[in-house]
Amino acid sequence: MGKIYYLMGKSSSGKDTIFKKLIEDEELSLKTIVGYTTRPMREGETEGVEYHFVDENRMRELEKQGKVIERRSYDTVHGVWSYFTVDDGQIDLKGDDRYLLIGTLESYEKVRNYFGKEYLVPLYITVDDGVRLQRALDREKSQDKPKYAELCRRFLADEKDFSKENIERCQIDYQIVNEDFGTCILEVRERILAK
């Protein structure tokens, strides 16, 4: 039976870096599931690697075809951006394949409901809010055109999205603290190998 290891956490908790490190780990043999977004591509991102970057029309087409498993839309300072997972043939849980997907609590819950709880293993990453805010600020400063208002919106939205009530509703009973990256990776890796 295949498994989907679902990596989630608040913005700037280190998910993208953890994701890349896990994918590079040949022993884990994790396949990626590339999500979709309508937001503009960031500096350093590549189409089909971090996301499939599509416009609103393409997203609506996929929805009409019944292929959108879950979708989250955010009213950003730059307009509405959507992030979504598509049943486009990337996922086949009949075999022993192991997949790594990155998302939010809301998307985790919808993917779990779509495929079944037995196929999903949550990997919830936590970091002190002050550390997260500094990481986000440092990352934004490095951009050609920093978007500080969007950084603040995301940071504040995380408080609601990742509330204690939402974590409990999604039955997330295990959290991995990312204070030390090496220790965090080892803990995530052990969790994957144990499930």
Protein backbone atom coordinates (compact mmCIF):
# COMPACT_ATOMS: atom_id res chain seq x y z
CA MET A 1 0.00 0.00 0.00
CA GLY A 2 1.32 3.43 -0.94
CA LYS A 3 1.70 6.30 1.50
CA ILE A 4 1.56 10.08 1.29
CA TYR A 5 3.83 11.83 3.80
CA TYR A 6 2.26 15.24 4.27
CA LEU A 7 4.68 18.00 5.30
CA MET A 8 3.04 21.05 6.84
CA GLY A 9 3.67 23.95 9.16
CA LYS A 10 3.37 27.70 9.38
CA SER A 11 5.13 29.91 6.84
CA SER A 12 8.92 30.05 7.24
CA SER A 13 9.00 26.94 9.43
CA GLY A 14 11.53 25.38 7.05
CA LYS A 15 9.15 23.17 5.05
CA ASP A 16 10.71 23.88 1.64
CA THR A 17 14.24 23.18 2.87
CA ILE A 18 13.12 20.01 4.67
CA PHE A 19 11.20 18.93 1.57
CA LYS A 20 14.28 19.29 -0.65
CA LYS A 21 16.50 17.41 1.81
CA LEU A 22 14.02 14.50 2.07
CA ILE A 23 13.66 14.23 -1.71
CA GLU A 24 17.47 14.05 -2.05
CA ASP A 25 17.60 11.13 0.43
CA GLU A 26 17.83 8.07 -1.82
CA GLU A 27 17.08 5.63 1.01
CA LEU A 28 13.64 7.21 1.52
CA SER A 29 12.75 6.86 -2.19
CA LEU A 30 10.09 9.55 -1.98
CA LYS A 31 8.25 10.73 -5.05
CA THR A 32 7.13 14.32 -5.29
CA ILE A 33 3.60 15.49 -5.96
CA VAL A 34 3.82 18.85 -7.63
CA GLY A 35 1.00 21.13 -6.56
CA TYR A 36 -0.58 23.90 -8.60
CA THR A 37 -0.80 27.63 -7.93
CA THR A 38 -2.10 30.77 -9.60
CA ARG A 39 0.45 32.97 -7.82
CA PRO A 40 3.41 34.35 -9.78
CA MET A 41 6.61 32.36 -9.81
CA ARG A 42 9.17 33.57 -7.26
CA GLU A 43 12.79 34.19 -8.02
CA GLY A 44 14.64 30.86 -8.04
CA GLU A 45 11.53 28.73 -8.63
CA THR A 46 11.07 26.45 -11.63
CA GLU A 47 7.85 25.40 -13.37
CA GLY A 48 7.00 21.82 -12.46
CA VAL A 49 9.40 21.71 -9.52
CA GLU A 50 7.97 23.83 -6.70
CA TYR A 51 4.56 24.15 -8.41
CA HIS A 52 2.76 24.07 -11.70
CA PHE A 53 2.14 27.77 -12.26
CA VAL A 54 -1.23 28.22 -13.99
CA ASP A 55 -3.73 30.98 -14.55
CA GLU A 56 -7.32 31.22 -13.26
CA ASN A 57 -8.76 29.80 -16.50
CA ARG A 58 -6.68 26.62 -16.29
CA MET A 59 -7.62 26.18 -12.63
CA ARG A 60 -11.33 26.48 -13.52
CA GLU A 61 -10.91 23.91 -16.32
CA LEU A 62 -9.38 21.41 -13.89
CA GLU A 63 -12.21 22.05 -11.41
CA LYS A 64 -14.85 21.46 -14.09
CA GLN A 65 -13.14 18.18 -14.97
CA GLY A 66 -13.43 17.11 -11.28
CA LYS A 67 -9.66 16.80 -10.93
CA VAL A 68 -9.08 19.31 -8.11
CA ILE A 69 -8.72 17.40 -4.83
CA GLU A 70 -8.39 20.51 -2.68
CA ARG A 71 -7.98 24.24 -3.21
CA ARG A 72 -7.04 27.11 -0.92
CA SER A 73 -7.40 30.72 -2.01
CA TYR A 74 -5.84 33.70 -0.28
CA ASP A 75 -6.78 37.33 -0.78
CA THR A 76 -3.26 38.75 -0.84
CA VAL A 77 -2.15 42.33 -1.23
CA HIS A 78 -1.41 41.38 -4.86
CA GLY A 79 -4.81 39.79 -5.58
CA VAL A 80 -6.28 36.34 -5.00
CA TRP A 81 -3.77 33.48 -5.19
CA SER A 82 -4.92 29.87 -5.20
CA TYR A 83 -2.96 26.74 -4.30
CA PHE A 84 -4.40 23.35 -5.15
CA THR A 85 -3.76 19.64 -5.54
CA VAL A 86 -4.87 17.90 -8.71
CA ASP A 87 -5.64 14.25 -9.39
CA ASP A 88 -3.58 14.31 -12.57
CA GLY A 89 -2.00 10.85 -12.46
CA GLN A 90 0.93 11.74 -10.20
CA ILE A 91 -0.46 9.62 -7.33
CA ASP A 92 -0.98 5.85 -7.45
CA LEU A 93 -1.50 4.34 -4.00
CA LYS A 94 -2.08 0.76 -5.19
CA GLY A 95 1.63 -0.06 -5.11
CA ASP A 96 4.29 0.57 -2.49
CA ASP A 97 5.22 4.05 -3.69
CA ARG A 98 5.89 6.69 -1.07
CA TYR A 99 5.00 10.29 -1.86
CA LEU A 100 5.97 13.57 -0.23
CA LEU A 101 3.47 16.42 -0.39
CA ILE A 102 3.72 19.86 1.17
CA GLY A 103 0.75 21.96 2.23
CA THR A 104 -1.42 23.40 4.99
CA LEU A 105 -3.62 21.81 7.64
CA GLU A 106 -6.66 22.57 5.50
CA SER A 107 -5.16 20.90 2.43
CA TYR A 108 -3.97 17.94 4.51
CA GLU A 109 -7.50 17.38 5.78
CA LYS A 110 -8.99 17.47 2.27
CA VAL A 111 -6.33 15.14 0.81
CA ARG A 112 -6.83 12.75 3.74
CA ASN A 113 -10.60 12.78 3.15
CA TYR A 114 -10.08 12.21 -0.60
CA PHE A 115 -7.65 9.27 -0.37
CA GLY A 116 -8.39 7.91 3.13
CA LYS A 117 -6.69 8.35 6.50
CA GLU A 118 -4.78 5.08 6.18
CA TYR A 119 -2.77 6.49 3.25
CA LEU A 120 -1.57 9.71 4.92
CA VAL A 121 1.16 10.35 7.49
CA PRO A 122 1.23 13.94 8.82
CA LEU A 123 4.64 15.59 9.30
CA TYR A 124 3.87 18.77 11.23
CA ILE A 125 6.85 21.14 11.63
CA THR A 126 6.87 23.83 14.34
CA VAL A 127 9.22 26.73 15.02
CA ASP A 128 9.18 29.59 17.53
CA ASP A 129 7.21 32.51 16.05
CA GLY A 130 10.09 34.97 16.52
CA VAL A 131 12.46 32.69 14.62
CA ARG A 132 9.89 32.23 11.84
CA LEU A 133 9.33 35.97 11.50
CA GLN A 134 13.08 36.64 11.25
CA ARG A 135 13.50 33.89 8.64
CA ALA A 136 10.63 35.32 6.60
CA LEU A 137 12.06 38.82 6.82
CA ASP A 138 15.53 37.64 5.76
CA ARG A 139 14.07 35.73 2.79
CA GLU A 140 11.97 38.70 1.70
CA LYS A 141 14.92 41.10 1.93
CA SER A 142 16.81 38.93 -0.55
CA GLN A 143 14.10 39.33 -3.22
CA ASP A 144 14.46 41.93 -6.00
CA LYS A 145 11.07 43.35 -5.02
CA PRO A 146 10.34 42.49 -1.37
CA LYS A 147 6.65 42.05 -0.52
CA TYR A 148 6.58 42.87 3.18
CA ALA A 149 2.82 43.39 3.36
CA GLU A 150 2.26 39.87 2.03
CA LEU A 151 4.78 38.50 4.53
CA CYS A 152 2.77 40.09 7.36
CA ARG A 153 -0.55 38.83 5.98
CA ARG A 154 0.79 35.25 5.79
CA PHE A 155 2.26 35.42 9.28
CA LEU A 156 -1.03 36.61 10.81
CA ALA A 157 -3.14 34.16 8.78
CA ASP A 158 -1.04 31.27 10.13
CA GLU A 159 -2.28 31.97 13.66
CA LYS A 160 -5.84 31.20 12.57
CA ASP A 161 -5.04 28.44 10.06
CA PHE A 162 -2.82 26.51 12.50
CA SER A 163 -4.88 27.11 15.63
CA LYS A 164 -4.87 24.50 18.39
CA GLU A 165 -8.49 23.65 17.50
CA ASN A 166 -7.61 23.03 13.84
CA ILE A 167 -4.61 20.88 14.78
CA GLU A 168 -6.82 18.78 17.07
CA ARG A 169 -9.60 18.53 14.47
CA CYS A 170 -7.08 17.17 11.97
CA GLN A 171 -5.88 14.68 14.59
CA ILE A 172 -2.28 15.86 14.44
CA ASP A 173 -0.83 14.30 17.57
CA TYR A 174 2.87 14.57 16.77
CA GLN A 175 4.88 17.74 16.11
CA ILE A 176 8.48 18.05 15.01
CA VAL A 177 10.35 21.13 16.26
CA ASN A 178 12.76 22.73 13.77
CA GLU A 179 15.13 24.51 16.16
CA ASP A 180 18.16 22.62 14.86
CA PHE A 181 17.88 21.63 11.20
CA GLY A 182 20.00 18.48 11.47
CA THR A 183 18.01 17.13 14.42
CA CYS A 184 14.75 18.02 12.72
CA ILE A 185 15.68 16.16 9.51
CA LEU A 186 16.68 13.07 11.51
CA GLU A 187 13.35 13.10 13.35
CA VAL A 188 11.33 13.52 10.15
CA ARG A 189 13.36 10.77 8.48
CA GLU A 190 12.80 8.38 11.39
CA ARG A 191 9.07 9.07 11.28
CA ILE A 192 8.93 8.27 7.55
CA LEU A 193 10.90 5.06 7.94
CA ALA A 194 8.70 3.96 10.88
CA LYS A 195 5.39 4.42 9.03
